[in-house]
Amino acid sequence: MATTFEVLQTIITETFDQDLTTNITTITPESTLAELNIESLEMFDLIFAVEDAFDISVPNDQLKIETVQDIVNLVDRLCVKQGKI
C-alpha cells in the first residue's frame, strides 16, 4: 500500500500535468508549494484531488500549508479524525 506521501506525489504530478518520471523524484516532503509552482488558486485543485483520493473533507481553515509534508500531516490527521484509517 502506498504511503500518504507517495499518493500525494502522484496527485501533484497528475493534477498539474507534470512529467511523472522527472518530478516524482524532485517532490520531497520538504518541497514548498512555491517550488512546485502551485499557486494559491491551484491549491484548491490540489485539495479537491486529495479529498477524492483519501475520501476526506478538508475544512477551509486547515489550508495553512507551505510544504508537501504539511499536506501529508494534514491528510494523516484528517484520516484519523474522520475515521478513514
PDB file of N, CA and C in Angstrom:
ATOM      1  N   MET A   1       0.845  -1.179   0.000  1.00  0.00           N
ATOM      2  CA  MET A   1       0.000   0.000   0.000  1.00  0.00           C
ATOM      3  C   MET A   1       0.893   1.246   0.000  1.00  0.00           C
ATOM      4  N   ALA A   2       0.516   2.209  -0.797  1.00  0.00           N
ATOM      5  CA  ALA A   2       1.301   3.438  -0.919  1.00  0.00           C
ATOM      6  C   ALA A   2       1.125   4.306   0.326  1.00  0.00           C
ATOM      7  N   THR A   3       2.173   5.020   0.661  1.00  0.00           N
ATOM      8  CA  THR A   3       2.111   5.948   1.785  1.00  0.00           C
ATOM      9  C   THR A   3       1.367   7.210   1.368  1.00  0.00           C
ATOM     10  N   THR A   4       0.987   8.002   2.346  1.00  0.00           N
ATOM     11  CA  THR A   4       0.334   9.278   2.064  1.00  0.00           C
ATOM     12  C   THR A   4       1.231  10.129   1.171  1.00  0.00           C
ATOM     13  N   PHE A   5       2.503  10.154   1.477  1.00  0.00           N
ATOM     14  CA  PHE A   5       3.449  10.942   0.679  1.00  0.00           C
ATOM     15  C   PHE A   5       3.493  10.463  -0.768  1.00  0.00           C
ATOM     16  N   GLU A   6       3.550   9.160  -0.980  1.00  0.00           N
ATOM     17  CA  GLU A   6       3.617   8.620  -2.341  1.00  0.00           C
ATOM     18  C   GLU A   6       2.355   8.948  -3.136  1.00  0.00           C
ATOM     19  N   VAL A   7       1.208   8.840  -2.484  1.00  0.00           N
ATOM     20  CA  VAL A   7      -0.046   9.189  -3.152  1.00  0.00           C
ATOM     21  C   VAL A   7      -0.046  10.676  -3.497  1.00  0.00           C
ATOM     22  N   LEU A   8       0.431  11.482  -2.580  1.00  0.00           N
ATOM     23  CA  LEU A   8       0.479  12.925  -2.808  1.00  0.00           C
ATOM     24  C   LEU A   8       1.418  13.278  -3.959  1.00  0.00           C
ATOM     25  N   GLN A   9       2.549  12.602  -4.053  1.00  0.00           N
ATOM     26  CA  GLN A   9       3.457  12.820  -5.185  1.00  0.00           C
ATOM     27  C   GLN A   9       2.736  12.585  -6.505  1.00  0.00           C
ATOM     28  N   THR A  10       1.997  11.503  -6.573  1.00  0.00           N
ATOM     29  CA  THR A  10       1.265  11.168  -7.792  1.00  0.00           C
ATOM     30  C   THR A  10       0.179  12.193  -8.077  1.00  0.00           C
ATOM     31  N   ILE A  11      -0.547  12.600  -7.049  1.00  0.00           N
ATOM     32  CA  ILE A  11      -1.598  13.606  -7.219  1.00  0.00           C
ATOM     33  C   ILE A  11      -1.009  14.897  -7.776  1.00  0.00           C
ATOM     34  N   ILE A  12       0.094  15.329  -7.224  1.00  0.00           N
ATOM     35  CA  ILE A  12       0.714  16.583  -7.680  1.00  0.00           C
ATOM     36  C   ILE A  12       1.138  16.478  -9.140  1.00  0.00           C
ATOM     37  N   THR A  13       1.766  15.392  -9.504  1.00  0.00           N
ATOM     38  CA  THR A  13       2.226  15.258 -10.887  1.00  0.00           C
ATOM     39  C   THR A  13       1.054  15.150 -11.854  1.00  0.00           C
ATOM     40  N   GLU A  14       0.001  14.434 -11.463  1.00  0.00           N
ATOM     41  CA  GLU A  14      -1.147  14.284 -12.355  1.00  0.00           C
ATOM     42  C   GLU A  14      -1.993  15.549 -12.406  1.00  0.00           C
ATOM     43  N   THR A  15      -2.238  16.171 -11.270  1.00  0.00           N
ATOM     44  CA  THR A  15      -3.094  17.352 -11.217  1.00  0.00           C
ATOM     45  C   THR A  15      -2.482  18.525 -11.961  1.00  0.00           C
ATOM     46  N   PHE A  16      -1.176  18.631 -11.891  1.00  0.00           N
ATOM     47  CA  PHE A  16      -0.512  19.776 -12.504  1.00  0.00           C
ATOM     48  C   PHE A  16       0.225  19.389 -13.772  1.00  0.00           C
ATOM     49  N   ASP A  17      -0.149  18.218 -14.332  1.00  0.00           N
ATOM     50  CA  ASP A  17       0.343  17.771 -15.626  1.00  0.00           C
ATOM     51  C   ASP A  17       1.861  17.858 -15.725  1.00  0.00           C
ATOM     52  N   GLN A  18       2.506  17.363 -14.703  1.00  0.00           N
ATOM     53  CA  GLN A  18       3.964  17.361 -14.686  1.00  0.00           C
ATOM     54  C   GLN A  18       4.462  15.986 -15.104  1.00  0.00           C
ATOM     55  N   ASP A  19       5.653  15.939 -15.612  1.00  0.00           N
ATOM     56  CA  ASP A  19       6.252  14.679 -16.046  1.00  0.00           C
ATOM     57  C   ASP A  19       6.530  13.813 -14.825  1.00  0.00           C
ATOM     58  N   LEU A  20       5.829  12.707 -14.723  1.00  0.00           N
ATOM     59  CA  LEU A  20       5.932  11.839 -13.553  1.00  0.00           C
ATOM     60  C   LEU A  20       7.344  11.321 -13.344  1.00  0.00           C
ATOM     61  N   THR A  21       8.000  10.883 -14.395  1.00  0.00           N
ATOM     62  CA  THR A  21       9.334  10.308 -14.227  1.00  0.00           C
ATOM     63  C   THR A  21      10.353  11.334 -13.773  1.00  0.00           C
ATOM     64  N   THR A  22      10.180  12.572 -14.182  1.00  0.00           N
ATOM     65  CA  THR A  22      11.108  13.623 -13.776  1.00  0.00           C
ATOM     66  C   THR A  22      10.784  14.142 -12.390  1.00  0.00           C
ATOM     67  N   ASN A  23       9.532  14.441 -12.142  1.00  0.00           N
ATOM     68  CA  ASN A  23       9.160  15.144 -10.920  1.00  0.00           C
ATOM     69  C   ASN A  23       8.917  14.268  -9.712  1.00  0.00           C
ATOM     70  N   ILE A  24       8.655  12.988  -9.903  1.00  0.00           N
ATOM     71  CA  ILE A  24       8.383  12.132  -8.758  1.00  0.00           C
ATOM     72  C   ILE A  24       9.595  12.098  -7.822  1.00  0.00           C
ATOM     73  N   THR A  25      10.783  12.232  -8.382  1.00  0.00           N
ATOM     74  CA  THR A  25      11.979  12.226  -7.547  1.00  0.00           C
ATOM     75  C   THR A  25      12.316  13.608  -7.006  1.00  0.00           C
ATOM     76  N   THR A  26      11.771  14.652  -7.636  1.00  0.00           N
ATOM     77  CA  THR A  26      12.073  16.003  -7.165  1.00  0.00           C
ATOM     78  C   THR A  26      11.071  16.498  -6.141  1.00  0.00           C
ATOM     79  N   ILE A  27       9.941  15.822  -6.021  1.00  0.00           N
ATOM     80  CA  ILE A  27       8.964  16.183  -4.997  1.00  0.00           C
ATOM     81  C   ILE A  27       9.359  15.474  -3.714  1.00  0.00           C
ATOM     82  N   THR A  28       9.769  16.261  -2.744  1.00  0.00           N
ATOM     83  CA  THR A  28      10.185  15.720  -1.455  1.00  0.00           C
ATOM     84  C   THR A  28       9.261  16.261  -0.374  1.00  0.00           C
ATOM     85  N   PRO A  29       9.299  15.690   0.812  1.00  0.00           N
ATOM     86  CA  PRO A  29       8.480  16.246   1.897  1.00  0.00           C
ATOM     87  C   PRO A  29       8.789  17.714   2.171  1.00  0.00           C
ATOM     88  N   GLU A  30      10.021  18.111   1.933  1.00  0.00           N
ATOM     89  CA  GLU A  30      10.438  19.487   2.207  1.00  0.00           C
ATOM     90  C   GLU A  30      10.100  20.453   1.077  1.00  0.00           C
ATOM     91  N   SER A  31       9.655  19.935  -0.062  1.00  0.00           N
ATOM     92  CA  SER A  31       9.319  20.800  -1.200  1.00  0.00           C
ATOM     93  C   SER A  31       8.215  21.770  -0.797  1.00  0.00           C
ATOM     94  N   THR A  32       8.418  23.035  -1.138  1.00  0.00           N
ATOM     95  CA  THR A  32       7.360  24.012  -0.878  1.00  0.00           C
ATOM     96  C   THR A  32       6.430  24.054  -2.087  1.00  0.00           C
ATOM     97  N   LEU A  33       5.224  24.507  -1.846  1.00  0.00           N
ATOM     98  CA  LEU A  33       4.276  24.621  -2.946  1.00  0.00           C
ATOM     99  C   LEU A  33       4.773  25.638  -3.969  1.00  0.00           C
ATOM    100  N   ALA A  34       5.456  26.673  -3.502  1.00  0.00           N
ATOM    101  CA  ALA A  34       6.025  27.671  -4.412  1.00  0.00           C
ATOM    102  C   ALA A  34       7.076  27.027  -5.322  1.00  0.00           C
ATOM    103  N   GLU A  35       7.917  26.166  -4.760  1.00  0.00           N
ATOM    104  CA  GLU A  35       8.940  25.479  -5.562  1.00  0.00           C
ATOM    105  C   GLU A  35       8.306  24.589  -6.629  1.00  0.00           C
ATOM    106  N   LEU A  36       7.121  24.064  -6.324  1.00  0.00           N
ATOM    107  CA  LEU A  36       6.425  23.189  -7.255  1.00  0.00           C
ATOM    108  C   LEU A  36       5.508  23.972  -8.194  1.00  0.00           C
ATOM    109  N   ASN A  37       5.594  25.305  -8.118  1.00  0.00           N
ATOM    110  CA  ASN A  37       4.792  26.198  -8.958  1.00  0.00           C
ATOM    111  C   ASN A  37       3.293  25.999  -8.766  1.00  0.00           C
ATOM    112  N   ILE A  38       2.898  25.719  -7.534  1.00  0.00           N
ATOM    113  CA  ILE A  38       1.487  25.596  -7.196  1.00  0.00           C
ATOM    114  C   ILE A  38       1.069  26.910  -6.554  1.00  0.00           C
ATOM    115  N   GLU A  39       0.275  27.660  -7.286  1.00  0.00           N
ATOM    116  CA  GLU A  39      -0.172  28.967  -6.819  1.00  0.00           C
ATOM    117  C   GLU A  39      -1.413  28.815  -5.952  1.00  0.00           C
ATOM    118  N   SER A  40      -1.799  29.894  -5.295  1.00  0.00           N
ATOM    119  CA  SER A  40      -2.894  29.834  -4.333  1.00  0.00           C
ATOM    120  C   SER A  40      -4.199  29.330  -4.945  1.00  0.00           C
ATOM    121  N   LEU A  41      -4.543  29.752  -6.134  1.00  0.00           N
ATOM    122  CA  LEU A  41      -5.779  29.268  -6.751  1.00  0.00           C
ATOM    123  C   LEU A  41      -5.687  27.794  -7.132  1.00  0.00           C
ATOM    124  N   GLU A  42      -4.510  27.353  -7.525  1.00  0.00           N
ATOM    125  CA  GLU A  42      -4.317  25.949  -7.877  1.00  0.00           C
ATOM    126  C   GLU A  42      -4.370  25.050  -6.650  1.00  0.00           C
ATOM    127  N   MET A  43      -4.182  25.649  -5.498  1.00  0.00           N
ATOM    128  CA  MET A  43      -4.237  24.888  -4.255  1.00  0.00           C
ATOM    129  C   MET A  43      -5.602  24.209  -4.102  1.00  0.00           C
ATOM    130  N   PHE A  44      -6.653  24.865  -4.571  1.00  0.00           N
ATOM    131  CA  PHE A  44      -7.978  24.265  -4.469  1.00  0.00           C
ATOM    132  C   PHE A  44      -8.082  23.002  -5.315  1.00  0.00           C
ATOM    133  N   ASP A  45      -7.485  23.000  -6.499  1.00  0.00           N
ATOM    134  CA  ASP A  45      -7.459  21.791  -7.323  1.00  0.00           C
ATOM    135  C   ASP A  45      -6.741  20.664  -6.594  1.00  0.00           C
ATOM    136  N   LEU A  46      -5.642  21.005  -5.956  1.00  0.00           N
ATOM    137  CA  LEU A  46      -4.877  20.018  -5.200  1.00  0.00           C
ATOM    138  C   LEU A  46      -5.700  19.471  -4.035  1.00  0.00           C
ATOM    139  N   ILE A  47      -6.356  20.346  -3.299  1.00  0.00           N
ATOM    140  CA  ILE A  47      -7.160  19.918  -2.151  1.00  0.00           C
ATOM    141  C   ILE A  47      -8.324  19.034  -2.604  1.00  0.00           C
ATOM    142  N   PHE A  48      -8.986  19.402  -3.703  1.00  0.00           N
ATOM    143  CA  PHE A  48     -10.085  18.576  -4.212  1.00  0.00           C
ATOM    144  C   PHE A  48      -9.585  17.179  -4.577  1.00  0.00           C
ATOM    145  N   ALA A  49      -8.423  17.110  -5.206  1.00  0.00           N
ATOM    146  CA  ALA A  49      -7.845  15.811  -5.583  1.00  0.00           C
ATOM    147  C   ALA A  49      -7.486  15.001  -4.346  1.00  0.00           C
ATOM    148  N   VAL A  50      -6.964  15.660  -3.325  1.00  0.00           N
ATOM    149  CA  VAL A  50      -6.620  14.979  -2.071  1.00  0.00           C
ATOM    150  C   VAL A  50      -7.884  14.459  -1.392  1.00  0.00           C
ATOM    151  N   GLU A  51      -8.923  15.272  -1.367  1.00  0.00           N
ATOM    152  CA  GLU A  51     -10.186  14.838  -0.757  1.00  0.00           C
ATOM    153  C   GLU A  51     -10.727  13.600  -1.462  1.00  0.00           C
ATOM    154  N   ASP A  52     -10.677  13.593  -2.786  1.00  0.00           N
ATOM    155  CA  ASP A  52     -11.156  12.439  -3.549  1.00  0.00           C
ATOM    156  C   ASP A  52     -10.299  11.197  -3.300  1.00  0.00           C
ATOM    157  N   ALA A  53      -8.993  11.374  -3.317  1.00  0.00           N
ATOM    158  CA  ALA A  53      -8.086  10.233  -3.169  1.00  0.00           C
ATOM    159  C   ALA A  53      -8.183   9.578  -1.796  1.00  0.00           C
ATOM    160  N   PHE A  54      -8.381  10.378  -0.765  1.00  0.00           N
ATOM    161  CA  PHE A  54      -8.380   9.850   0.599  1.00  0.00           C
ATOM    162  C   PHE A  54      -9.783   9.777   1.215  1.00  0.00           C
ATOM    163  N   ASP A  55     -10.793  10.187   0.452  1.00  0.00           N
ATOM    164  CA  ASP A  55     -12.182  10.186   0.928  1.00  0.00           C
ATOM    165  C   ASP A  55     -12.319  10.947   2.250  1.00  0.00           C
ATOM    166  N   ILE A  56     -11.766  12.162   2.249  1.00  0.00           N
ATOM    167  CA  ILE A  56     -11.836  13.022   3.426  1.00  0.00           C
ATOM    168  C   ILE A  56     -12.389  14.381   3.020  1.00  0.00           C
ATOM    169  N   SER A  57     -12.713  15.174   4.019  1.00  0.00           N
ATOM    170  CA  SER A  57     -13.149  16.543   3.803  1.00  0.00           C
ATOM    171  C   SER A  57     -12.142  17.460   4.497  1.00  0.00           C
ATOM    172  N   VAL A  58     -11.604  18.405   3.743  1.00  0.00           N
ATOM    173  CA  VAL A  58     -10.608  19.331   4.287  1.00  0.00           C
ATOM    174  C   VAL A  58     -11.300  20.663   4.573  1.00  0.00           C
ATOM    175  N   PRO A  59     -11.433  21.016   5.850  1.00  0.00           N
ATOM    176  CA  PRO A  59     -12.048  22.310   6.180  1.00  0.00           C
ATOM    177  C   PRO A  59     -11.182  23.466   5.677  1.00  0.00           C
ATOM    178  N   ASN A  60     -11.842  24.545   5.260  1.00  0.00           N
ATOM    179  CA  ASN A  60     -11.119  25.703   4.724  1.00  0.00           C
ATOM    180  C   ASN A  60     -10.124  26.286   5.714  1.00  0.00           C
ATOM    181  N   ASP A  61     -10.402  26.190   7.000  1.00  0.00           N
ATOM    182  CA  ASP A  61      -9.480  26.756   7.987  1.00  0.00           C
ATOM    183  C   ASP A  61      -8.228  25.909   8.177  1.00  0.00           C
ATOM    184  N   GLN A  62      -8.141  24.777   7.481  1.00  0.00           N
ATOM    185  CA  GLN A  62      -6.987  23.893   7.576  1.00  0.00           C
ATOM    186  C   GLN A  62      -5.987  24.110   6.443  1.00  0.00           C
ATOM    187  N   LEU A  63      -6.176  25.132   5.642  1.00  0.00           N
ATOM    188  CA  LEU A  63      -5.359  25.317   4.446  1.00  0.00           C
ATOM    189  C   LEU A  63      -4.105  26.152   4.665  1.00  0.00           C
ATOM    190  N   LYS A  64      -3.595  26.179   5.864  1.00  0.00           N
ATOM    191  CA  LYS A  64      -2.350  26.898   6.145  1.00  0.00           C
ATOM    192  C   LYS A  64      -1.183  25.938   5.948  1.00  0.00           C
ATOM    193  N   ILE A  65      -0.843  25.714   4.691  1.00  0.00           N
ATOM    194  CA  ILE A  65       0.213  24.763   4.376  1.00  0.00           C
ATOM    195  C   ILE A  65       1.219  25.400   3.436  1.00  0.00           C
ATOM    196  N   GLU A  66       2.461  25.027   3.631  1.00  0.00           N
ATOM    197  CA  GLU A  66       3.526  25.566   2.795  1.00  0.00           C
ATOM    198  C   GLU A  66       4.334  24.474   2.096  1.00  0.00           C
ATOM    199  N   THR A  67       4.410  23.299   2.722  1.00  0.00           N
ATOM    200  CA  THR A  67       5.241  22.228   2.165  1.00  0.00           C
ATOM    201  C   THR A  67       4.405  20.981   1.901  1.00  0.00           C
ATOM    202  N   VAL A  68       4.984  20.069   1.161  1.00  0.00           N
ATOM    203  CA  VAL A  68       4.337  18.781   0.908  1.00  0.00           C
ATOM    204  C   VAL A  68       4.132  18.051   2.238  1.00  0.00           C
ATOM    205  N   GLN A  69       5.097  18.134   3.139  1.00  0.00           N
ATOM    206  CA  GLN A  69       4.957  17.473   4.434  1.00  0.00           C
ATOM    207  C   GLN A  69       3.780  18.045   5.224  1.00  0.00           C
ATOM    208  N   ASP A  70       3.516  19.337   5.087  1.00  0.00           N
ATOM    209  CA  ASP A  70       2.349  19.934   5.745  1.00  0.00           C
ATOM    210  C   ASP A  70       1.065  19.262   5.262  1.00  0.00           C
ATOM    211  N   ILE A  71       0.991  18.977   3.966  1.00  0.00           N
ATOM    212  CA  ILE A  71      -0.193  18.316   3.412  1.00  0.00           C
ATOM    213  C   ILE A  71      -0.279  16.883   3.914  1.00  0.00           C
ATOM    214  N   VAL A  72       0.847  16.177   3.934  1.00  0.00           N
ATOM    215  CA  VAL A  72       0.877  14.804   4.444  1.00  0.00           C
ATOM    216  C   VAL A  72       0.366  14.776   5.884  1.00  0.00           C
ATOM    217  N   ASN A  73       0.877  15.682   6.706  1.00  0.00           N
ATOM    218  CA  ASN A  73       0.455  15.736   8.107  1.00  0.00           C
ATOM    219  C   ASN A  73      -1.040  16.014   8.222  1.00  0.00           C
ATOM    220  N   LEU A  74      -1.538  16.946   7.409  1.00  0.00           N
ATOM    221  CA  LEU A  74      -2.954  17.293   7.419  1.00  0.00           C
ATOM    222  C   LEU A  74      -3.807  16.093   7.013  1.00  0.00           C
ATOM    223  N   VAL A  75      -3.430  15.431   5.931  1.00  0.00           N
ATOM    224  CA  VAL A  75      -4.183  14.271   5.451  1.00  0.00           C
ATOM    225  C   VAL A  75      -4.191  13.168   6.499  1.00  0.00           C
ATOM    226  N   ASP A  76      -3.047  12.857   7.068  1.00  0.00           N
ATOM    227  CA  ASP A  76      -2.979  11.807   8.081  1.00  0.00           C
ATOM    228  C   ASP A  76      -3.862  12.144   9.285  1.00  0.00           C
ATOM    229  N   ARG A  77      -3.806  13.398   9.713  1.00  0.00           N
ATOM    230  CA  ARG A  77      -4.610  13.828  10.866  1.00  0.00           C
ATOM    231  C   ARG A  77      -6.108  13.743  10.548  1.00  0.00           C
ATOM    232  N   LEU A  78      -6.501  14.194   9.348  1.00  0.00           N
ATOM    233  CA  LEU A  78      -7.912  14.171   8.974  1.00  0.00           C
ATOM    234  C   LEU A  78      -8.422  12.748   8.745  1.00  0.00           C
ATOM    235  N   CYS A  79      -7.582  11.881   8.226  1.00  0.00           N
ATOM    236  CA  CYS A  79      -7.978  10.480   8.031  1.00  0.00           C
ATOM    237  C   CYS A  79      -8.292   9.828   9.373  1.00  0.00           C
ATOM    238  N   VAL A  80      -7.485  10.096  10.370  1.00  0.00           N
ATOM    239  CA  VAL A  80      -7.726   9.546  11.708  1.00  0.00           C
ATOM    240  C   VAL A  80      -8.997  10.166  12.287  1.00  0.00           C
ATOM    241  N   LYS A  81      -9.084  11.480  12.215  1.00  0.00           N
ATOM    242  CA  LYS A  81     -10.231  12.204  12.786  1.00  0.00           C
ATOM    243  C   LYS A  81     -11.538  11.813  12.123  1.00  0.00           C
ATOM    244  N   GLN A  82     -11.510  11.569  10.812  1.00  0.00           N
ATOM    245  CA  GLN A  82     -12.719  11.242  10.071  1.00  0.00           C
ATOM    246  C   GLN A  82     -12.932   9.734   9.914  1.00  0.00           C
ATOM    247  N   GLY A  83     -12.137   8.943  10.637  1.00  0.00           N
ATOM    248  CA  GLY A  83     -12.328   7.508  10.677  1.00  0.00           C
ATOM    249  C   GLY A  83     -11.989   6.782   9.399  1.00  0.00           C
ATOM    250  N   LYS A  84     -11.037   7.279   8.642  1.00  0.00           N
ATOM    251  CA  LYS A  84     -10.656   6.645   7.369  1.00  0.00           C
ATOM    252  C   LYS A  84      -9.470   5.707   7.513  1.00  0.00           C
ATOM    253  N   ILE A  85      -8.917   5.627   8.711  1.00  0.00           N
ATOM    254  CA  ILE A  85      -7.787   4.708   8.954  1.00  0.00           C
ATOM    255  C   ILE A  85      -8.225   3.660   9.943  1.00  0.00           C
TER     256      ILE A  85
END
